[in-house]
Amino acid sequence: MKKLLSLTLLLLAAMMTTATFTACGDDDDDKTETPAEKAAGIYTGTDQVTIGGQWTYTSSADYTVTANADGSINLTIGTETYENTIMGNITQGAFTIKNVPYDAKTLSFTKDYAADNLSAHVTMVKDGKTTMDKDYSIPSGTITVTPQADGSIKVTNKQYTYGKMPFKMDAEFTGTRKK
């Protein structure tokens, strides 16, 4: 009888152990985040734009990175105001560049968005008078989003224009993730 009780307890212990390990088998603790998932977030920082290679202006800005299921990202460039430019205070409205693919060689997301049919609202105010207030197409530009090792982000926007403006612009944003 004592032997039967011992075998029963041993069998019961084995079943409990199996059930315990089976219940833990579905844990997803080892899931690795994609570069897009790691980069996703809202970043606040400084954007510096150079117009025509001659005039440089700085603005505070928020950029938002959203991860897509295919590993690409969407980048929303928030509203920015550049004060005291030669044309007055310039406010650029927010716009989103979608499906920016990841390049494993450069560890960044890069896209020539000329074919994306983007636009942004631009307002210029000089000496208290609004001199421009309308939507402009963004017919050219190349965006590069580079996540940094410290969790910050660097974004370069090369050779973009609004409408038919004669000068190309280059911008560089550096920001830290908002908590």
Foldseek 3Di string as FASTA:
>chain_A
DVVVVVVVVVVVVVVVVVVVVVVPVPDPVPDDDALLRLLFFKWWFKKWKDKQVHDIFMWTWIKGWHADPVRFIKIKTAWTWTADDPQGIKIKHIWIDPRQHADPVVQKGKDWCLVVFIKIWMWHADPNRTPGTGIWTWNTWMWIWHQDPVQKIKIWIFQIDTHPDPITMIMITITHGDD
